[in-house]
PDB file of N, CA and C in Angstrom:
ATOM      1  N   MET A   1      -8.345  -4.420  38.211  1.00  0.00           N
ATOM      2  CA  MET A   1      -7.614  -5.207  38.710  1.00  0.00           C
ATOM      3  C   MET A   1      -6.404  -5.433  37.779  1.00  0.00           C
ATOM      4  N   SER A   2      -5.878  -4.469  37.873  1.00  0.00           N
ATOM      5  CA  SER A   2      -4.965  -4.567  36.437  1.00  0.00           C
ATOM      6  C   SER A   2      -3.702  -4.600  37.409  1.00  0.00           C
ATOM      7  N   ASP A   3      -3.382  -4.866  38.777  1.00  0.00           N
ATOM      8  CA  ASP A   3      -2.130  -4.725  39.375  1.00  0.00           C
ATOM      9  C   ASP A   3      -2.023  -6.588  39.114  1.00  0.00           C
ATOM     10  N   PRO A   4      -0.987  -6.541  38.503  1.00  0.00           N
ATOM     11  CA  PRO A   4      -0.916  -8.529  38.736  1.00  0.00           C
ATOM     12  C   PRO A   4      -0.745  -9.280  40.001  1.00  0.00           C
ATOM     13  N   GLY A   5      -0.038  -8.416  40.607  1.00  0.00           N
ATOM     14  CA  GLY A   5       0.380  -8.802  42.082  1.00  0.00           C
ATOM     15  C   GLY A   5      -1.002  -9.141  42.974  1.00  0.00           C
ATOM     16  N   ALA A   6      -2.053  -8.639  42.357  1.00  0.00           N
ATOM     17  CA  ALA A   6      -3.186  -8.984  43.246  1.00  0.00           C
ATOM     18  C   ALA A   6      -3.755  -9.873  42.677  1.00  0.00           C
ATOM     19  N   LEU A   7      -3.504 -10.165  41.719  1.00  0.00           N
ATOM     20  CA  LEU A   7      -4.085 -12.204  41.093  1.00  0.00           C
ATOM     21  C   LEU A   7      -3.520 -13.122  41.436  1.00  0.00           C
ATOM     22  N   PRO A   8      -4.264 -14.420  41.709  1.00  0.00           N
ATOM     23  CA  PRO A   8      -3.756 -15.542  41.788  1.00  0.00           C
ATOM     24  C   PRO A   8      -2.328 -15.886  40.843  1.00  0.00           C
ATOM     25  N   GLU A   9      -1.784 -16.582  41.771  1.00  0.00           N
ATOM     26  CA  GLU A   9      -0.489 -16.750  40.890  1.00  0.00           C
ATOM     27  C   GLU A   9      -0.942 -17.874  39.269  1.00  0.00           C
ATOM     28  N   GLU A  10      -1.395 -18.442  39.740  1.00  0.00           N
ATOM     29  CA  GLU A  10      -1.828 -19.617  38.610  1.00  0.00           C
ATOM     30  C   GLU A  10      -2.782 -18.978  37.480  1.00  0.00           C
ATOM     31  N   LEU A  11      -3.609 -17.519  37.986  1.00  0.00           N
ATOM     32  CA  LEU A  11      -4.065 -16.909  36.834  1.00  0.00           C
ATOM     33  C   LEU A  11      -3.035 -15.863  36.137  1.00  0.00           C
ATOM     34  N   VAL A  12      -2.074 -15.886  36.447  1.00  0.00           N
ATOM     35  CA  VAL A  12      -1.165 -14.915  35.928  1.00  0.00           C
ATOM     36  C   VAL A  12      -0.307 -15.746  34.870  1.00  0.00           C
ATOM     37  N   ARG A  13       0.201 -16.962  35.347  1.00  0.00           N
ATOM     38  CA  ARG A  13       0.895 -18.472  34.805  1.00  0.00           C
ATOM     39  C   ARG A  13      -0.101 -18.428  33.506  1.00  0.00           C
ATOM     40  N   LEU A  14      -1.325 -18.919  33.968  1.00  0.00           N
ATOM     41  CA  LEU A  14      -2.053 -19.282  32.790  1.00  0.00           C
ATOM     42  C   LEU A  14      -2.422 -18.249  31.308  1.00  0.00           C
ATOM     43  N   ARG A  15      -2.724 -17.205  31.788  1.00  0.00           N
ATOM     44  CA  ARG A  15      -2.473 -15.883  31.167  1.00  0.00           C
ATOM     45  C   ARG A  15      -1.533 -15.660  30.095  1.00  0.00           C
ATOM     46  N   GLY A  16      -0.346 -15.756  30.931  1.00  0.00           N
ATOM     47  CA  GLY A  16       1.232 -15.775  30.484  1.00  0.00           C
ATOM     48  C   GLY A  16       1.145 -17.037  29.120  1.00  0.00           C
ATOM     49  N   SER A  17       0.926 -17.962  29.593  1.00  0.00           N
ATOM     50  CA  SER A  17       0.719 -19.466  28.221  1.00  0.00           C
ATOM     51  C   SER A  17       0.192 -18.640  27.213  1.00  0.00           C
ATOM     52  N   ILE A  18      -1.766 -18.484  27.632  1.00  0.00           N
ATOM     53  CA  ILE A  18      -2.484 -17.723  26.588  1.00  0.00           C
ATOM     54  C   ILE A  18      -1.537 -16.669  25.973  1.00  0.00           C
ATOM     55  N   ASP A  19      -1.226 -15.880  26.290  1.00  0.00           N
ATOM     56  CA  ASP A  19      -0.191 -14.359  25.647  1.00  0.00           C
ATOM     57  C   ASP A  19       0.971 -15.362  24.675  1.00  0.00           C
ATOM     58  N   ASN A  20       1.536 -16.434  24.926  1.00  0.00           N
ATOM     59  CA  ASN A  20       2.378 -17.101  24.063  1.00  0.00           C
ATOM     60  C   ASN A  20       1.711 -17.516  23.044  1.00  0.00           C
ATOM     61  N   MET A  21       0.309 -18.274  23.289  1.00  0.00           N
ATOM     62  CA  MET A  21      -0.194 -19.031  22.003  1.00  0.00           C
ATOM     63  C   MET A  21      -0.330 -18.139  21.427  1.00  0.00           C
ATOM     64  N   ASP A  22      -1.057 -17.216  21.778  1.00  0.00           N
ATOM     65  CA  ASP A  22      -1.696 -15.784  20.514  1.00  0.00           C
ATOM     66  C   ASP A  22      -0.328 -15.519  20.093  1.00  0.00           C
ATOM     67  N   ALA A  23       0.898 -15.415  20.180  1.00  0.00           N
ATOM     68  CA  ALA A  23       1.765 -15.167  19.673  1.00  0.00           C
ATOM     69  C   ALA A  23       2.162 -16.102  18.743  1.00  0.00           C
ATOM     70  N   ALA A  24       2.020 -17.360  19.231  1.00  0.00           N
ATOM     71  CA  ALA A  24       2.383 -18.678  18.166  1.00  0.00           C
ATOM     72  C   ALA A  24       1.637 -18.758  17.087  1.00  0.00           C
ATOM     73  N   LEU A  25       0.624 -18.461  17.314  1.00  0.00           N
ATOM     74  CA  LEU A  25      -0.933 -18.264  16.417  1.00  0.00           C
ATOM     75  C   LEU A  25      -0.603 -17.466  15.323  1.00  0.00           C
ATOM     76  N   LEU A  26      -0.010 -16.228  16.053  1.00  0.00           N
ATOM     77  CA  LEU A  26       0.164 -15.114  14.977  1.00  0.00           C
ATOM     78  C   LEU A  26       1.371 -15.485  14.053  1.00  0.00           C
ATOM     79  N   HIS A  27       2.602 -15.650  14.419  1.00  0.00           N
ATOM     80  CA  HIS A  27       3.558 -15.997  13.821  1.00  0.00           C
ATOM     81  C   HIS A  27       3.381 -17.440  12.678  1.00  0.00           C
ATOM     82  N   LEU A  28       2.125 -17.984  13.264  1.00  0.00           N
ATOM     83  CA  LEU A  28       2.026 -19.251  11.850  1.00  0.00           C
ATOM     84  C   LEU A  28       0.896 -18.576  11.212  1.00  0.00           C
ATOM     85  N   LEU A  29       0.349 -17.719  11.398  1.00  0.00           N
ATOM     86  CA  LEU A  29      -0.676 -17.297  10.143  1.00  0.00           C
ATOM     87  C   LEU A  29       0.128 -16.232   9.436  1.00  0.00           C
ATOM     88  N   ALA A  30       1.267 -16.110   9.838  1.00  0.00           N
ATOM     89  CA  ALA A  30       1.964 -15.100   9.216  1.00  0.00           C
ATOM     90  C   ALA A  30       2.479 -15.959   8.402  1.00  0.00           C
ATOM     91  N   GLU A  31       3.137 -17.162   8.488  1.00  0.00           N
ATOM     92  CA  GLU A  31       3.995 -18.203   7.898  1.00  0.00           C
ATOM     93  C   GLU A  31       2.844 -18.986   6.761  1.00  0.00           C
ATOM     94  N   ARG A  32       1.715 -18.563   7.214  1.00  0.00           N
ATOM     95  CA  ARG A  32       0.938 -19.345   6.130  1.00  0.00           C
ATOM     96  C   ARG A  32       0.228 -18.565   5.241  1.00  0.00           C
ATOM     97  N   PHE A  33       0.210 -17.175   5.519  1.00  0.00           N
ATOM     98  CA  PHE A  33       0.050 -16.147   4.523  1.00  0.00           C
ATOM     99  C   PHE A  33       1.056 -16.164   3.460  1.00  0.00           C
ATOM    100  N   LYS A  34       2.464 -16.338   3.746  1.00  0.00           N
ATOM    101  CA  LYS A  34       3.377 -16.299   2.873  1.00  0.00           C
ATOM    102  C   LYS A  34       3.145 -17.116   1.836  1.00  0.00           C
ATOM    103  N   ILE A  35       2.851 -18.684   2.365  1.00  0.00           N
ATOM    104  CA  ILE A  35       2.885 -19.759   1.649  1.00  0.00           C
ATOM    105  C   ILE A  35       1.706 -19.162   0.525  1.00  0.00           C
ATOM    106  N   THR A  36       0.548 -19.242   1.177  1.00  0.00           N
ATOM    107  CA  THR A  36      -0.513 -18.620   0.452  1.00  0.00           C
ATOM    108  C   THR A  36      -0.419 -17.396  -0.883  1.00  0.00           C
ATOM    109  N   GLN A  37       0.555 -16.895  -0.529  1.00  0.00           N
ATOM    110  CA  GLN A  37       0.768 -15.441  -1.137  1.00  0.00           C
ATOM    111  C   GLN A  37       1.477 -16.200  -2.085  1.00  0.00           C
ATOM    112  N   ARG A  38       2.836 -16.988  -2.242  1.00  0.00           N
ATOM    113  CA  ARG A  38       3.049 -17.868  -3.289  1.00  0.00           C
ATOM    114  C   ARG A  38       2.093 -18.462  -4.137  1.00  0.00           C
ATOM    115  N   VAL A  39       1.097 -19.314  -3.619  1.00  0.00           N
ATOM    116  CA  VAL A  39      -0.036 -19.761  -4.377  1.00  0.00           C
ATOM    117  C   VAL A  39      -0.778 -19.356  -5.117  1.00  0.00           C
ATOM    118  N   GLY A  40      -0.812 -18.248  -4.892  1.00  0.00           N
ATOM    119  CA  GLY A  40      -1.657 -16.773  -5.653  1.00  0.00           C
ATOM    120  C   GLY A  40      -0.680 -16.489  -7.031  1.00  0.00           C
ATOM    121  N   GLU A  41       0.686 -16.552  -6.432  1.00  0.00           N
ATOM    122  CA  GLU A  41       0.847 -15.571  -7.819  1.00  0.00           C
ATOM    123  C   GLU A  41       0.967 -17.311  -8.576  1.00  0.00           C
ATOM    124  N   ILE A  42       1.124 -18.487  -8.132  1.00  0.00           N
ATOM    125  CA  ILE A  42       1.336 -19.529  -9.331  1.00  0.00           C
ATOM    126  C   ILE A  42       0.097 -19.634  -9.969  1.00  0.00           C
ATOM    127  N   LYS A  43      -1.305 -19.300  -9.276  1.00  0.00           N
ATOM    128  CA  LYS A  43      -2.198 -19.442  -9.825  1.00  0.00           C
ATOM    129  C   LYS A  43      -2.660 -18.448 -11.092  1.00  0.00           C
ATOM    130  N   ALA A  44      -2.090 -17.215 -10.640  1.00  0.00           N
ATOM    131  CA  ALA A  44      -2.213 -16.504 -11.313  1.00  0.00           C
ATOM    132  C   ALA A  44      -1.246 -16.326 -12.765  1.00  0.00           C
ATOM    133  N   THR A  45      -0.326 -17.006 -12.596  1.00  0.00           N
ATOM    134  CA  THR A  45       0.573 -17.305 -13.918  1.00  0.00           C
ATOM    135  C   THR A  45       0.233 -18.322 -14.632  1.00  0.00           C
ATOM    136  N   HIS A  46      -0.630 -19.424 -13.874  1.00  0.00           N
ATOM    137  CA  HIS A  46      -0.878 -20.592 -14.745  1.00  0.00           C
ATOM    138  C   HIS A  46      -2.201 -20.253 -15.350  1.00  0.00           C
ATOM    139  N   GLY A  47      -3.187 -18.896 -14.995  1.00  0.00           N
ATOM    140  CA  GLY A  47      -4.751 -18.901 -14.986  1.00  0.00           C
ATOM    141  C   GLY A  47      -5.601 -19.464 -14.614  1.00  0.00           C
ATOM    142  N   LEU A  48      -4.866 -19.987 -13.518  1.00  0.00           N
ATOM    143  CA  LEU A  48      -5.771 -20.285 -12.222  1.00  0.00           C
ATOM    144  C   LEU A  48      -6.960 -19.648 -11.601  1.00  0.00           C
ATOM    145  N   PRO A  49      -7.971 -20.074 -11.110  1.00  0.00           N
ATOM    146  CA  PRO A  49      -8.912 -19.070 -10.331  1.00  0.00           C
ATOM    147  C   PRO A  49      -8.997 -18.896  -9.009  1.00  0.00           C
ATOM    148  N   PRO A  50      -9.121 -17.462  -8.729  1.00  0.00           N
ATOM    149  CA  PRO A  50      -8.214 -17.272  -6.913  1.00  0.00           C
ATOM    150  C   PRO A  50      -9.075 -18.656  -6.048  1.00  0.00           C
ATOM    151  N   ALA A  51     -10.068 -18.865  -6.343  1.00  0.00           N
ATOM    152  CA  ALA A  51     -10.533 -19.730  -5.142  1.00  0.00           C
ATOM    153  C   ALA A  51     -10.885 -20.988  -5.622  1.00  0.00           C
ATOM    154  N   ASP A  52     -10.977 -22.058  -5.347  1.00  0.00           N
ATOM    155  CA  ASP A  52     -11.024 -23.380  -5.526  1.00  0.00           C
ATOM    156  C   ASP A  52     -12.257 -24.312  -4.496  1.00  0.00           C
ATOM    157  N   PRO A  53     -13.365 -23.777  -4.916  1.00  0.00           N
ATOM    158  CA  PRO A  53     -13.982 -24.292  -3.907  1.00  0.00           C
ATOM    159  C   PRO A  53     -14.432 -26.131  -3.925  1.00  0.00           C
ATOM    160  N   GLY A  54     -13.576 -27.005  -4.869  1.00  0.00           N
ATOM    161  CA  GLY A  54     -13.368 -28.222  -3.989  1.00  0.00           C
ATOM    162  C   GLY A  54     -12.613 -28.445  -2.935  1.00  0.00           C
ATOM    163  N   ARG A  55     -10.929 -27.803  -3.108  1.00  0.00           N
ATOM    164  CA  ARG A  55     -10.571 -28.187  -2.274  1.00  0.00           C
ATOM    165  C   ARG A  55     -10.803 -27.335  -0.971  1.00  0.00           C
ATOM    166  N   GLU A  56     -11.415 -26.271  -0.743  1.00  0.00           N
ATOM    167  CA  GLU A  56     -11.819 -25.715   0.518  1.00  0.00           C
ATOM    168  C   GLU A  56     -12.760 -26.527   1.154  1.00  0.00           C
ATOM    169  N   ALA A  57     -13.623 -27.118   0.391  1.00  0.00           N
ATOM    170  CA  ALA A  57     -14.513 -28.013   1.239  1.00  0.00           C
ATOM    171  C   ALA A  57     -14.270 -29.387   1.772  1.00  0.00           C
ATOM    172  N   ARG A  58     -12.971 -30.122   1.091  1.00  0.00           N
ATOM    173  CA  ARG A  58     -12.458 -30.915   1.379  1.00  0.00           C
ATOM    174  C   ARG A  58     -11.392 -30.636   2.286  1.00  0.00           C
ATOM    175  N   GLN A  59     -11.180 -29.350   2.890  1.00  0.00           N
ATOM    176  CA  GLN A  59     -10.460 -28.949   3.938  1.00  0.00           C
ATOM    177  C   GLN A  59     -11.167 -28.484   5.241  1.00  0.00           C
ATOM    178  N   ILE A  60     -11.986 -27.900   4.918  1.00  0.00           N
ATOM    179  CA  ILE A  60     -13.221 -28.272   5.981  1.00  0.00           C
ATOM    180  C   ILE A  60     -14.113 -29.442   6.627  1.00  0.00           C
ATOM    181  N   GLU A  61     -13.957 -29.988   5.624  1.00  0.00           N
ATOM    182  CA  GLU A  61     -14.232 -31.346   6.036  1.00  0.00           C
ATOM    183  C   GLU A  61     -12.851 -32.115   7.231  1.00  0.00           C
ATOM    184  N   ARG A  62     -11.823 -31.864   6.480  1.00  0.00           N
ATOM    185  CA  ARG A  62     -11.066 -32.555   7.313  1.00  0.00           C
ATOM    186  C   ARG A  62     -10.483 -31.378   8.637  1.00  0.00           C
ATOM    187  N   LEU A  63     -10.550 -30.839   8.627  1.00  0.00           N
ATOM    188  CA  LEU A  63     -10.326 -29.756   9.753  1.00  0.00           C
ATOM    189  C   LEU A  63     -11.477 -29.792  10.784  1.00  0.00           C
ATOM    190  N   ARG A  64     -12.615 -30.041  10.420  1.00  0.00           N
ATOM    191  CA  ARG A  64     -13.946 -30.461  11.180  1.00  0.00           C
ATOM    192  C   ARG A  64     -13.462 -31.775  12.262  1.00  0.00           C
ATOM    193  N   ALA A  65     -13.186 -32.795  11.456  1.00  0.00           N
ATOM    194  CA  ALA A  65     -12.571 -33.886  11.904  1.00  0.00           C
ATOM    195  C   ALA A  65     -11.602 -33.392  12.744  1.00  0.00           C
ATOM    196  N   LEU A  66     -10.720 -32.968  12.578  1.00  0.00           N
ATOM    197  CA  LEU A  66      -9.826 -32.754  13.537  1.00  0.00           C
ATOM    198  C   LEU A  66     -10.239 -32.230  14.491  1.00  0.00           C
ATOM    199  N   ALA A  67     -10.803 -31.194  14.702  1.00  0.00           N
ATOM    200  CA  ALA A  67     -11.488 -30.248  16.003  1.00  0.00           C
ATOM    201  C   ALA A  67     -11.891 -31.373  16.722  1.00  0.00           C
ATOM    202  N   VAL A  68     -13.083 -32.149  16.036  1.00  0.00           N
ATOM    203  CA  VAL A  68     -13.833 -33.119  17.290  1.00  0.00           C
ATOM    204  C   VAL A  68     -12.300 -34.123  17.563  1.00  0.00           C
ATOM    205  N   GLU A  69     -11.585 -34.467  16.876  1.00  0.00           N
ATOM    206  CA  GLU A  69     -10.322 -35.373  17.854  1.00  0.00           C
ATOM    207  C   GLU A  69     -10.075 -34.541  18.458  1.00  0.00           C
ATOM    208  N   ALA A  70      -9.847 -33.076  18.538  1.00  0.00           N
ATOM    209  CA  ALA A  70      -9.074 -32.157  19.651  1.00  0.00           C
ATOM    210  C   ALA A  70      -9.862 -31.866  20.780  1.00  0.00           C
ATOM    211  N   ASN A  71     -11.211 -32.520  21.051  1.00  0.00           N
ATOM    212  CA  ASN A  71     -12.072 -31.716  21.382  1.00  0.00           C
ATOM    213  C   ASN A  71     -12.239 -29.980  21.156  1.00  0.00           C
ATOM    214  N   LEU A  72     -12.403 -29.722  20.039  1.00  0.00           N
ATOM    215  CA  LEU A  72     -12.821 -28.414  19.894  1.00  0.00           C
ATOM    216  C   LEU A  72     -13.909 -28.188  18.978  1.00  0.00           C
ATOM    217  N   ASP A  73     -14.788 -27.205  18.914  1.00  0.00           N
ATOM    218  CA  ASP A  73     -16.086 -26.901  18.295  1.00  0.00           C
ATOM    219  C   ASP A  73     -15.717 -27.273  16.900  1.00  0.00           C
ATOM    220  N   PRO A  74     -16.297 -28.518  15.731  1.00  0.00           N
ATOM    221  CA  PRO A  74     -16.074 -28.020  14.526  1.00  0.00           C
ATOM    222  C   PRO A  74     -16.641 -26.907  14.325  1.00  0.00           C
ATOM    223  N   ASP A  75     -17.856 -26.587  14.637  1.00  0.00           N
ATOM    224  CA  ASP A  75     -18.471 -25.179  13.874  1.00  0.00           C
ATOM    225  C   ASP A  75     -17.494 -23.960  13.736  1.00  0.00           C
ATOM    226  N   PHE A  76     -16.817 -23.713  15.314  1.00  0.00           N
ATOM    227  CA  PHE A  76     -15.959 -22.955  15.473  1.00  0.00           C
ATOM    228  C   PHE A  76     -14.348 -23.120  14.597  1.00  0.00           C
ATOM    229  N   ALA A  77     -14.087 -24.316  14.465  1.00  0.00           N
ATOM    230  CA  ALA A  77     -13.112 -24.644  13.371  1.00  0.00           C
ATOM    231  C   ALA A  77     -13.357 -24.213  12.161  1.00  0.00           C
ATOM    232  N   GLU A  78     -14.462 -24.487  11.762  1.00  0.00           N
ATOM    233  CA  GLU A  78     -14.710 -24.037  10.536  1.00  0.00           C
ATOM    234  C   GLU A  78     -15.234 -22.671  10.318  1.00  0.00           C
ATOM    235  N   LYS A  79     -15.927 -21.942  11.279  1.00  0.00           N
ATOM    236  CA  LYS A  79     -15.653 -20.416  10.949  1.00  0.00           C
ATOM    237  C   LYS A  79     -14.342 -19.837  10.637  1.00  0.00           C
ATOM    238  N   PHE A  80     -13.429 -20.661  11.676  1.00  0.00           N
ATOM    239  CA  PHE A  80     -11.937 -19.768  11.650  1.00  0.00           C
ATOM    240  C   PHE A  80     -11.444 -20.219  10.198  1.00  0.00           C
ATOM    241  N   ILE A  81     -11.651 -21.645   9.856  1.00  0.00           N
ATOM    242  CA  ILE A  81     -10.943 -21.267   8.312  1.00  0.00           C
ATOM    243  C   ILE A  81     -11.601 -20.908   7.663  1.00  0.00           C
ATOM    244  N   ASN A  82     -12.611 -20.782   7.338  1.00  0.00           N
ATOM    245  CA  ASN A  82     -13.344 -20.034   6.495  1.00  0.00           C
ATOM    246  C   ASN A  82     -13.305 -18.545   6.644  1.00  0.00           C
ATOM    247  N   PHE A  83     -12.790 -18.054   7.862  1.00  0.00           N
ATOM    248  CA  PHE A  83     -12.406 -16.699   7.770  1.00  0.00           C
ATOM    249  C   PHE A  83     -11.276 -16.572   7.093  1.00  0.00           C
ATOM    250  N   ILE A  84     -10.327 -17.366   7.521  1.00  0.00           N
ATOM    251  CA  ILE A  84      -8.523 -17.260   6.903  1.00  0.00           C
ATOM    252  C   ILE A  84      -8.728 -17.344   5.220  1.00  0.00           C
ATOM    253  N   VAL A  85      -9.750 -18.405   5.001  1.00  0.00           N
ATOM    254  CA  VAL A  85      -9.442 -18.893   3.703  1.00  0.00           C
ATOM    255  C   VAL A  85     -10.214 -17.516   2.770  1.00  0.00           C
ATOM    256  N   ALA A  86     -11.298 -16.484   3.314  1.00  0.00           N
ATOM    257  CA  ALA A  86     -12.064 -15.740   2.520  1.00  0.00           C
ATOM    258  C   ALA A  86     -10.764 -14.813   2.380  1.00  0.00           C
ATOM    259  N   GLU A  87     -10.220 -14.547   3.382  1.00  0.00           N
ATOM    260  CA  GLU A  87      -8.819 -13.216   3.410  1.00  0.00           C
ATOM    261  C   GLU A  87      -7.868 -13.726   2.097  1.00  0.00           C
ATOM    262  N   VAL A  88      -7.353 -15.330   2.031  1.00  0.00           N
ATOM    263  CA  VAL A  88      -6.497 -15.558   0.955  1.00  0.00           C
ATOM    264  C   VAL A  88      -7.266 -15.448  -0.513  1.00  0.00           C
ATOM    265  N   VAL A  89      -8.192 -15.930  -0.162  1.00  0.00           N
ATOM    266  CA  VAL A  89      -9.363 -15.650  -1.594  1.00  0.00           C
ATOM    267  C   VAL A  89      -9.074 -14.138  -1.943  1.00  0.00           C
ATOM    268  N   ARG A  90      -9.398 -13.237  -1.317  1.00  0.00           N
ATOM    269  CA  ARG A  90      -9.345 -11.894  -1.696  1.00  0.00           C
ATOM    270  C   ARG A  90      -7.765 -11.725  -2.027  1.00  0.00           C
ATOM    271  N   HIS A  91      -6.896 -11.982  -1.082  1.00  0.00           N
ATOM    272  CA  HIS A  91      -5.046 -12.103  -1.760  1.00  0.00           C
ATOM    273  C   HIS A  91      -4.768 -12.297  -3.346  1.00  0.00           C
ATOM    274  N   HIS A  92      -5.842 -13.862  -3.432  1.00  0.00           N
ATOM    275  CA  HIS A  92      -5.289 -13.894  -4.889  1.00  0.00           C
ATOM    276  C   HIS A  92      -6.126 -13.390  -5.745  1.00  0.00           C
ATOM    277  N   GLU A  93      -7.294 -12.906  -5.548  1.00  0.00           N
ATOM    278  CA  GLU A  93      -8.305 -12.315  -6.186  1.00  0.00           C
ATOM    279  C   GLU A  93      -6.970 -10.945  -6.857  1.00  0.00           C
ATOM    280  N   ALA A  94      -6.255 -10.361  -5.455  1.00  0.00           N
ATOM    281  CA  ALA A  94      -5.977  -9.179  -6.031  1.00  0.00           C
ATOM    282  C   ALA A  94      -4.489  -9.408  -6.925  1.00  0.00           C
ATOM    283  N   ILE A  95      -3.748 -10.356  -6.502  1.00  0.00           N
ATOM    284  CA  ILE A  95      -2.692 -11.134  -7.314  1.00  0.00           C
ATOM    285  C   ILE A  95      -2.997 -11.232  -9.333  1.00  0.00           C
ATOM    286  N   ALA A  96      -3.869 -11.946  -8.794  1.00  0.00           N
ATOM    287  CA  ALA A  96      -4.617 -12.192 -10.334  1.00  0.00           C
ATOM    288  C   ALA A  96      -4.927 -10.869 -11.014  1.00  0.00           C
ATOM    289  N   GLY A  97      -5.286  -9.852 -10.226  1.00  0.00           N
ATOM    290  CA  GLY A  97      -5.802  -8.316 -11.240  1.00  0.00           C
ATOM    291  C   GLY A  97      -4.296  -7.666 -11.177  1.00  0.00           C
ATOM    292  N   GLU A  98      -3.248  -8.116 -10.731  1.00  0.00           N
ATOM    293  CA  GLU A  98      -1.961  -7.381 -10.862  1.00  0.00           C
ATOM    294  C   GLU A  98      -1.465  -7.966 -12.342  1.00  0.00           C
ATOM    295  N   HIS A  99      -1.854  -9.430 -12.576  1.00  0.00           N
ATOM    296  CA  HIS A  99      -1.295 -10.164 -13.961  1.00  0.00           C
ATOM    297  C   HIS A  99      -2.691 -10.074 -14.879  1.00  0.00           C
ATOM    298  N   GLY A 100      -3.039  -8.928 -14.296  1.00  0.00           N
ATOM    299  CA  GLY A 100      -4.120  -8.689 -15.899  1.00  0.00           C
ATOM    300  C   GLY A 100      -4.654  -9.901 -16.250  1.00  0.00           C
TER     301      GLY A 100
END
């Protein structure tokens, strides 16, 4: 069913909305990583560790609550933020290594 003309109009419209949201999510993630890159530089400059388990735990708790309010599975939200945080910490570790 690769011919869009053969698909119901509502399905095509909904898929277009999904595509737009996917693009927005990627742009938001790119902006988030620009900010966390700077955070990593500040941490490295001040000799702070790449990870902050206390902050991460508070963020997970906060985002799980937001997920519940948004009718989103909080376990999924936690997995999603853990994936992002792991990548951020990896970046921070690399930055710390560059600062010796």
